[in-house]
Amino acid sequence: MAPYQRLISWTGAALVLGALGLGFVVAGSPQRARDFRADEERLQNLQQIVSSIQSYYDDKGSLPATLETLLAAGRLFGGEAVRHDPITKEAYDYRIAGAKTFELCATFVLSSKDGRGRELRAIPVGPGKTGFVNWDHPAGRHCFSIEVSESGKPNREQ
């Protein structure tokens, strides 16, 4: 192989590797994209659970004792699937904290601010104390303290 052909081959290989590296920097790794999608699904599950709890409260005037209570009453929007983490299949933690307040806990792979200017947020449940329920969270286990309201729109405590 002539020296100029070797140079062209090495230059081509370097360009391909550089393009791959740039792709990971710009778009993130495939694993990070999977983690991001899983965290988005977790948030959507939690949002459905909160809506279900608010609906139950609107009808019964009290919080459900457990998420199983919602499921048994046919009131868990999305059914059994939304009670569990999409990856680990563990049930989300739900605890009553007061007459109108509860905690809903999940474990996230990424922070809601993933460092690329994108923020993970579930679809807003509706107007709350400051406009919309805020689902900001760190990476790792996090509990959201949420208060149901008489107006039918849950509030996330600040």
Foldseek 3Di string as FASTA:
>chain_A
DDPVVVVVVVVVVVVVVVVVVVCCVQVNDPVVVVLLVLVLLLQQLVLQQVLLQLVCCLVPVFGDQDVVSCQVVVSRVVHPVSQARPPPRHGWDWAADDRFKIKTKDAGQAWLCNPNPHGRHHDFQAQAPPGTAGDGDGHTMDIWMWGHDNVSGIYTDD
